[in-house]
C-alpha atoms as a PDB file:
ATOM      1  CA  MET A   1     -23.366   5.256  -7.994  1.00  0.00           C
ATOM      2  CA  VAL A   2     -21.796   8.693  -7.625  1.00  0.00           C
ATOM      3  CA  LEU A   3     -18.469   7.318  -8.850  1.00  0.00           C
ATOM      4  CA  ARG A   4     -19.993   5.685 -11.919  1.00  0.00           C
ATOM      5  CA  GLY A   5     -21.775   8.930 -12.753  1.00  0.00           C
ATOM      6  CA  LEU A   6     -18.500  10.847 -12.549  1.00  0.00           C
ATOM      7  CA  TYR A   7     -16.650   8.372 -14.753  1.00  0.00           C
ATOM      8  CA  GLU A   8     -19.410   8.646 -17.385  1.00  0.00           C
ATOM      9  CA  ASP A   9     -19.968  12.437 -17.164  1.00  0.00           C
ATOM     10  CA  LYS A  10     -19.553  14.193 -20.545  1.00  0.00           C
ATOM     11  CA  ASP A  11     -19.905  17.816 -19.346  1.00  0.00           C
ATOM     12  CA  PRO A  12     -16.843  19.697 -20.738  1.00  0.00           C
ATOM     13  CA  ASN A  13     -16.896  22.091 -17.767  1.00  0.00           C
ATOM     14  CA  LYS A  14     -16.387  19.246 -15.292  1.00  0.00           C
ATOM     15  CA  ILE A  15     -12.899  17.869 -14.878  1.00  0.00           C
ATOM     16  CA  ILE A  16     -12.692  14.416 -13.294  1.00  0.00           C
ATOM     17  CA  ILE A  17      -9.314  13.525 -11.766  1.00  0.00           C
ATOM     18  CA  SER A  18      -8.437  10.161 -10.276  1.00  0.00           C
ATOM     19  CA  PHE A  19      -5.732  10.911  -7.657  1.00  0.00           C
ATOM     20  CA  ASP A  20      -3.389   8.911  -5.415  1.00  0.00           C
ATOM     21  CA  GLU A  21       0.261   8.522  -4.486  1.00  0.00           C
ATOM     22  CA  LYS A  22       2.814   6.058  -5.851  1.00  0.00           C
ATOM     23  CA  VAL A  23       4.773   5.589  -2.665  1.00  0.00           C
ATOM     24  CA  LYS A  24       8.253   4.512  -1.743  1.00  0.00           C
ATOM     25  CA  ILE A  25       9.763   4.151  -5.180  1.00  0.00           C
ATOM     26  CA  ALA A  26      13.094   2.721  -4.026  1.00  0.00           C
ATOM     27  CA  ILE A  27      16.277   3.156  -6.019  1.00  0.00           C
ATOM     28  CA  LYS A  28      18.199   0.036  -5.001  1.00  0.00           C
ATOM     29  CA  GLU A  29      21.812  -0.972  -5.414  1.00  0.00           C
ATOM     30  CA  TYR A  30      20.950  -4.157  -7.341  1.00  0.00           C
ATOM     31  CA  PHE A  31      17.675  -3.820  -9.162  1.00  0.00           C
ATOM     32  CA  GLY A  32      17.495  -4.660 -12.854  1.00  0.00           C
ATOM     33  CA  SER A  33      17.742  -7.841 -14.885  1.00  0.00           C
ATOM     34  CA  VAL A  34      21.232  -9.210 -15.222  1.00  0.00           C
ATOM     35  CA  TYR A  35      22.277 -11.809 -17.772  1.00  0.00           C
ATOM     36  CA  THR A  36      24.924 -14.205 -16.520  1.00  0.00           C
ATOM     37  CA  LYS A  37      26.398 -17.533 -17.596  1.00  0.00           C
ATOM     38  CA  GLU A  38      24.533 -19.092 -14.708  1.00  0.00           C
ATOM     39  CA  ARG A  39      20.809 -19.515 -14.975  1.00  0.00           C
ATOM     40  CA  PHE A  40      19.921 -16.837 -12.425  1.00  0.00           C
ATOM     41  CA  ALA A  41      21.705 -13.861 -10.943  1.00  0.00           C
ATOM     42  CA  THR A  42      21.531 -13.667  -7.168  1.00  0.00           C
ATOM     43  CA  TYR A  43      21.121 -10.571  -5.055  1.00  0.00           C
ATOM     44  CA  PRO A  44      21.436 -10.005  -1.331  1.00  0.00           C
ATOM     45  CA  ALA A  45      18.132 -10.249   0.549  1.00  0.00           C
ATOM     46  CA  LYS A  46      18.712  -6.817   2.039  1.00  0.00           C
ATOM     47  CA  GLN A  47      20.021  -4.148  -0.272  1.00  0.00           C
ATOM     48  CA  LYS A  48      21.327  -0.675   0.203  1.00  0.00           C
ATOM     49  CA  VAL A  49      18.755   1.850  -0.989  1.00  0.00           C
ATOM     50  CA  LYS A  50      20.234   4.800  -2.899  1.00  0.00           C
ATOM     51  CA  GLY A  51      17.117   6.899  -2.451  1.00  0.00           C
ATOM     52  CA  LEU A  52      13.347   6.977  -2.142  1.00  0.00           C
ATOM     53  CA  LEU A  53      10.801   8.855  -4.162  1.00  0.00           C
ATOM     54  CA  GLU A  54       7.154   9.721  -3.529  1.00  0.00           C
ATOM     55  CA  MET A  55       5.002  10.528  -6.543  1.00  0.00           C
ATOM     56  CA  PRO A  56       1.485  11.907  -6.102  1.00  0.00           C
ATOM     57  CA  ALA A  57      -0.359  11.787  -9.406  1.00  0.00           C
ATOM     58  CA  GLY A  58      -3.749  12.249 -10.973  1.00  0.00           C
ATOM     59  CA  ILE A  59      -5.195  11.258 -14.318  1.00  0.00           C
ATOM     60  CA  ASN A  60      -7.810  13.305 -16.135  1.00  0.00           C
ATOM     61  CA  ILE A  61     -10.457  10.663 -16.796  1.00  0.00           C
ATOM     62  CA  LYS A  62     -11.740  12.374 -19.951  1.00  0.00           C
ATOM     63  CA  THR A  63      -8.416  13.089 -21.684  1.00  0.00           C
ATOM     64  CA  GLY A  64      -5.986  10.578 -20.185  1.00  0.00           C
ATOM     65  CA  LYS A  65      -3.510  13.324 -19.263  1.00  0.00           C
ATOM     66  CA  VAL A  66      -1.434  12.338 -16.226  1.00  0.00           C
ATOM     67  CA  HIS A  67      -0.456  15.059 -13.767  1.00  0.00           C
ATOM     68  CA  TYR A  68       2.427  14.011 -11.539  1.00  0.00           C
ATOM     69  CA  TRP A  69       4.807  15.567  -9.048  1.00  0.00           C
ATOM     70  CA  PHE A  70       7.878  14.350  -7.168  1.00  0.00           C
ATOM     71  CA  TYR A  71       8.428  14.707  -3.426  1.00  0.00           C
ATOM     72  CA  ASP A  72      10.691  13.271  -0.750  1.00  0.00           C
ATOM     73  CA  TRP A  73       7.762  12.748   1.620  1.00  0.00           C
ATOM     74  CA  LYS A  74       3.981  12.604   1.665  1.00  0.00           C
ATOM     75  CA  ASN A  75       1.472  14.310   3.931  1.00  0.00           C
ATOM     76  CA  SER A  76      -1.639  16.468   3.710  1.00  0.00           C
ATOM     77  CA  PHE A  77       0.397  19.563   2.771  1.00  0.00           C
ATOM     78  CA  VAL A  78       1.781  17.767  -0.280  1.00  0.00           C
ATOM     79  CA  VAL A  79      -1.781  16.782  -1.230  1.00  0.00           C
ATOM     80  CA  ILE A  80      -2.879  20.428  -0.882  1.00  0.00           C
ATOM     81  CA  GLU A  81      -0.001  21.577  -3.133  1.00  0.00           C
ATOM     82  CA  CYS A  82      -1.065  19.062  -5.781  1.00  0.00           C
ATOM     83  CA  LEU A  83      -4.716  20.122  -5.566  1.00  0.00           C
ATOM     84  CA  GLU A  84      -3.686  23.780  -5.942  1.00  0.00           C
ATOM     85  CA  LYS A  85      -1.709  22.903  -9.075  1.00  0.00           C
ATOM     86  CA  LEU A  86      -4.799  21.191 -10.481  1.00  0.00           C
ATOM     87  CA  LEU A  87      -6.858  24.333  -9.760  1.00  0.00           C
ATOM     88  CA  GLU A  88      -4.298  26.397 -11.713  1.00  0.00           C
ATOM     89  CA  GLU A  89      -4.254  23.936 -14.613  1.00  0.00           C
ATOM     90  CA  TYR A  90      -8.047  23.894 -14.929  1.00  0.00           C
ATOM     91  CA  SER A  91      -8.930  27.470 -14.014  1.00  0.00           C
ATOM     92  CA  GLY A  92     -12.612  28.303 -14.247  1.00  0.00           C
ATOM     93  CA  LYS A  93     -13.778  24.680 -14.290  1.00  0.00           C
ATOM     94  CA  GLU A  94     -15.370  22.448 -11.673  1.00  0.00           C
ATOM     95  CA  ILE A  95     -12.869  19.788 -10.599  1.00  0.00           C
ATOM     96  CA  TYR A  96     -13.886  16.480  -9.051  1.00  0.00           C
ATOM     97  CA  VAL A  97     -10.993  14.612  -7.453  1.00  0.00           C
ATOM     98  CA  ILE A  98     -11.520  10.934  -6.689  1.00  0.00           C
ATOM     99  CA  MET A  99      -9.232   9.655  -3.937  1.00  0.00           C
ATOM    100  CA  ASP A 100      -8.963   6.932  -1.334  1.00  0.00           C
ATOM    101  CA  ASN A 101      -9.504   7.212   2.412  1.00  0.00           C
ATOM    102  CA  TRP A 102      -5.888   7.731   3.456  1.00  0.00           C
ATOM    103  CA  SER A 103      -5.883   9.885   6.606  1.00  0.00           C
ATOM    104  CA  ALA A 104      -3.959  12.731   4.936  1.00  0.00           C
ATOM    105  CA  HIS A 105      -6.680  12.970   2.273  1.00  0.00           C
ATOM    106  CA  LYS A 106      -9.257  13.582   5.003  1.00  0.00           C
ATOM    107  CA  SER A 107      -7.180  15.648   7.417  1.00  0.00           C
ATOM    108  CA  TYR A 108      -8.381  18.826   9.084  1.00  0.00           C
ATOM    109  CA  ASP A 109      -6.039  20.855   6.836  1.00  0.00           C
ATOM    110  CA  ILE A 110      -7.588  19.356   3.690  1.00  0.00           C
ATOM    111  CA  LYS A 111     -11.115  20.015   4.955  1.00  0.00           C
ATOM    112  CA  VAL A 112     -10.317  23.663   5.754  1.00  0.00           C
ATOM    113  CA  TRP A 113      -8.537  24.124   2.417  1.00  0.00           C
ATOM    114  CA  ASN A 114     -11.473  22.560   0.567  1.00  0.00           C
ATOM    115  CA  THR A 115     -13.991  24.966   2.134  1.00  0.00           C
ATOM    116  CA  LEU A 116     -11.920  27.831   0.700  1.00  0.00           C
ATOM    117  CA  HIS A 117     -11.944  26.349  -2.825  1.00  0.00           C
ATOM    118  CA  PRO A 118     -15.553  25.704  -3.901  1.00  0.00           C
ATOM    119  CA  ARG A 119     -14.551  24.630  -7.454  1.00  0.00           C
ATOM    120  CA  MET A 120     -12.758  21.594  -6.002  1.00  0.00           C
ATOM    121  CA  HIS A 121     -14.986  18.655  -5.060  1.00  0.00           C
ATOM    122  CA  LEU A 122     -13.321  15.774  -3.212  1.00  0.00           C
ATOM    123  CA  VAL A 123     -14.921  12.370  -3.745  1.00  0.00           C
ATOM    124  CA  TYR A 124     -13.747   9.597  -1.424  1.00  0.00           C
ATOM    125  CA  LEU A 125     -13.780   5.941  -2.360  1.00  0.00           C
ATOM    126  CA  PRO A 126     -15.161   3.420   0.124  1.00  0.00           C
ATOM    127  CA  SER A 127     -12.575   1.889   2.460  1.00  0.00           C
ATOM    128  CA  GLY A 128     -10.836  -1.060   0.846  1.00  0.00           C
ATOM    129  CA  ALA A 129     -11.922  -0.066  -2.660  1.00  0.00           C
ATOM    130  CA  SER A 130      -8.751   1.524  -4.002  1.00  0.00           C
ATOM    131  CA  PHE A 131      -9.049  -0.781  -7.041  1.00  0.00           C
ATOM    132  CA  LEU A 132     -11.860   1.540  -8.209  1.00  0.00           C
ATOM    133  CA  ASN A 133      -9.377   4.403  -8.516  1.00  0.00           C
ATOM    134  CA  LYS A 134      -8.215   4.543 -12.144  1.00  0.00           C
ATOM    135  CA  ILE A 135      -4.842   6.067 -11.222  1.00  0.00           C
ATOM    136  CA  GLU A 136      -3.920   2.682  -9.712  1.00  0.00           C
ATOM    137  CA  ARG A 137      -3.957   1.261 -13.242  1.00  0.00           C
ATOM    138  CA  VAL A 138      -1.592   4.001 -14.348  1.00  0.00           C
ATOM    139  CA  PHE A 139       0.742   3.099 -11.470  1.00  0.00           C
ATOM    140  CA  SER A 140       0.597  -0.534 -12.568  1.00  0.00           C
ATOM    141  CA  PHE A 141       1.622   0.416 -16.119  1.00  0.00           C
ATOM    142  CA  LEU A 142       4.376   2.671 -14.763  1.00  0.00           C
ATOM    143  CA  SER A 143       5.754  -0.160 -12.640  1.00  0.00           C
ATOM    144  CA  ARG A 144       5.658  -2.612 -15.537  1.00  0.00           C
ATOM    145  CA  ASP A 145       7.020  -0.271 -18.210  1.00  0.00           C
ATOM    146  CA  VAL A 146       9.572   1.794 -16.275  1.00  0.00           C
ATOM    147  CA  LEU A 147      10.317   0.674 -12.735  1.00  0.00           C
ATOM    148  CA  GLN A 148      10.530  -3.121 -12.891  1.00  0.00           C
ATOM    149  CA  ASN A 149      13.947  -4.385 -13.964  1.00  0.00           C
ATOM    150  CA  SER A 150      15.307  -0.854 -14.014  1.00  0.00           C
ATOM    151  CA  ASN A 151      18.785  -0.025 -12.858  1.00  0.00           C
ATOM    152  CA  PHE A 152      18.671   3.667 -12.010  1.00  0.00           C
ATOM    153  CA  GLN A 153      21.844   5.034 -10.493  1.00  0.00           C
ATOM    154  CA  THR A 154      20.200   8.039  -8.828  1.00  0.00           C
ATOM    155  CA  VAL A 155      16.798   9.335  -7.799  1.00  0.00           C
ATOM    156  CA  ARG A 156      17.203  12.079 -10.412  1.00  0.00           C
ATOM    157  CA  GLU A 157      17.637   9.447 -13.139  1.00  0.00           C
ATOM    158  CA  ALA A 158      14.468   7.655 -11.989  1.00  0.00           C
ATOM    159  CA  MET A 159      12.563  10.965 -12.044  1.00  0.00           C
ATOM    160  CA  GLU A 160      13.788  11.719 -15.574  1.00  0.00           C
ATOM    161  CA  ASN A 161      12.699   8.294 -16.833  1.00  0.00           C
ATOM    162  CA  ILE A 162       9.268   8.584 -15.211  1.00  0.00           C
ATOM    163  CA  SER A 163       8.830  12.086 -16.686  1.00  0.00           C
ATOM    164  CA  ASN A 164       9.903  10.858 -20.107  1.00  0.00           C
ATOM    165  CA  TYR A 165       7.384   8.015 -19.877  1.00  0.00           C
ATOM    166  CA  PHE A 166       4.421  10.267 -19.082  1.00  0.00           C
ATOM    167  CA  ASP A 167       5.479  13.166 -21.325  1.00  0.00           C
ATOM    168  CA  ASN A 168       5.693  10.817 -24.311  1.00  0.00           C
ATOM    169  CA  GLY A 169       2.259   9.284 -23.911  1.00  0.00           C
ATOM    170  CA  GLY A 170       3.022   6.407 -21.567  1.00  0.00           C
ATOM    171  CA  SER A 171       0.003   4.764 -19.952  1.00  0.00           C
ATOM    172  CA  ILE A 172      -2.632   6.506 -22.057  1.00  0.00           C
ATOM    173  CA  MET A 173      -5.953   5.169 -20.858  1.00  0.00           C
ATOM    174  CA  VAL A 174      -9.323   6.805 -20.692  1.00  0.00           C
END
């Protein structure tokens, strides 16, 4: 019931962010669609990976704005950095961040950090209910529109395409 109330809250001084990580975006050697004379192109079962990318992200439920960051790894310190950036972006407002029960989201470091930042309210989804997190829909659109059938040569190229997608209104949903 708390979650439904947050999703429906109209108070302009409350910011509701749905937050999670798009993990292990792999830049593979053979990735995109290939048109050949044969009916199907074949790829090796195991491919060389050119690089991996972790992308924590949050969507403002009221405006549809997606906040995203790129990292080489994920842990509670990365989550804290992202939460601090959200505090800067929405200075002076109460921020409610909806996230799943991943251990790094509930770590000792996060709990200590959260006690020092009373404007930030962390709301945890029930275990096994990540489908309730609206950022998962954004990740689905990102995968469909940008990542599937892509043929990025470098991690940097993947990052640029993802940034271009979000900066130009990709996956607008409220």
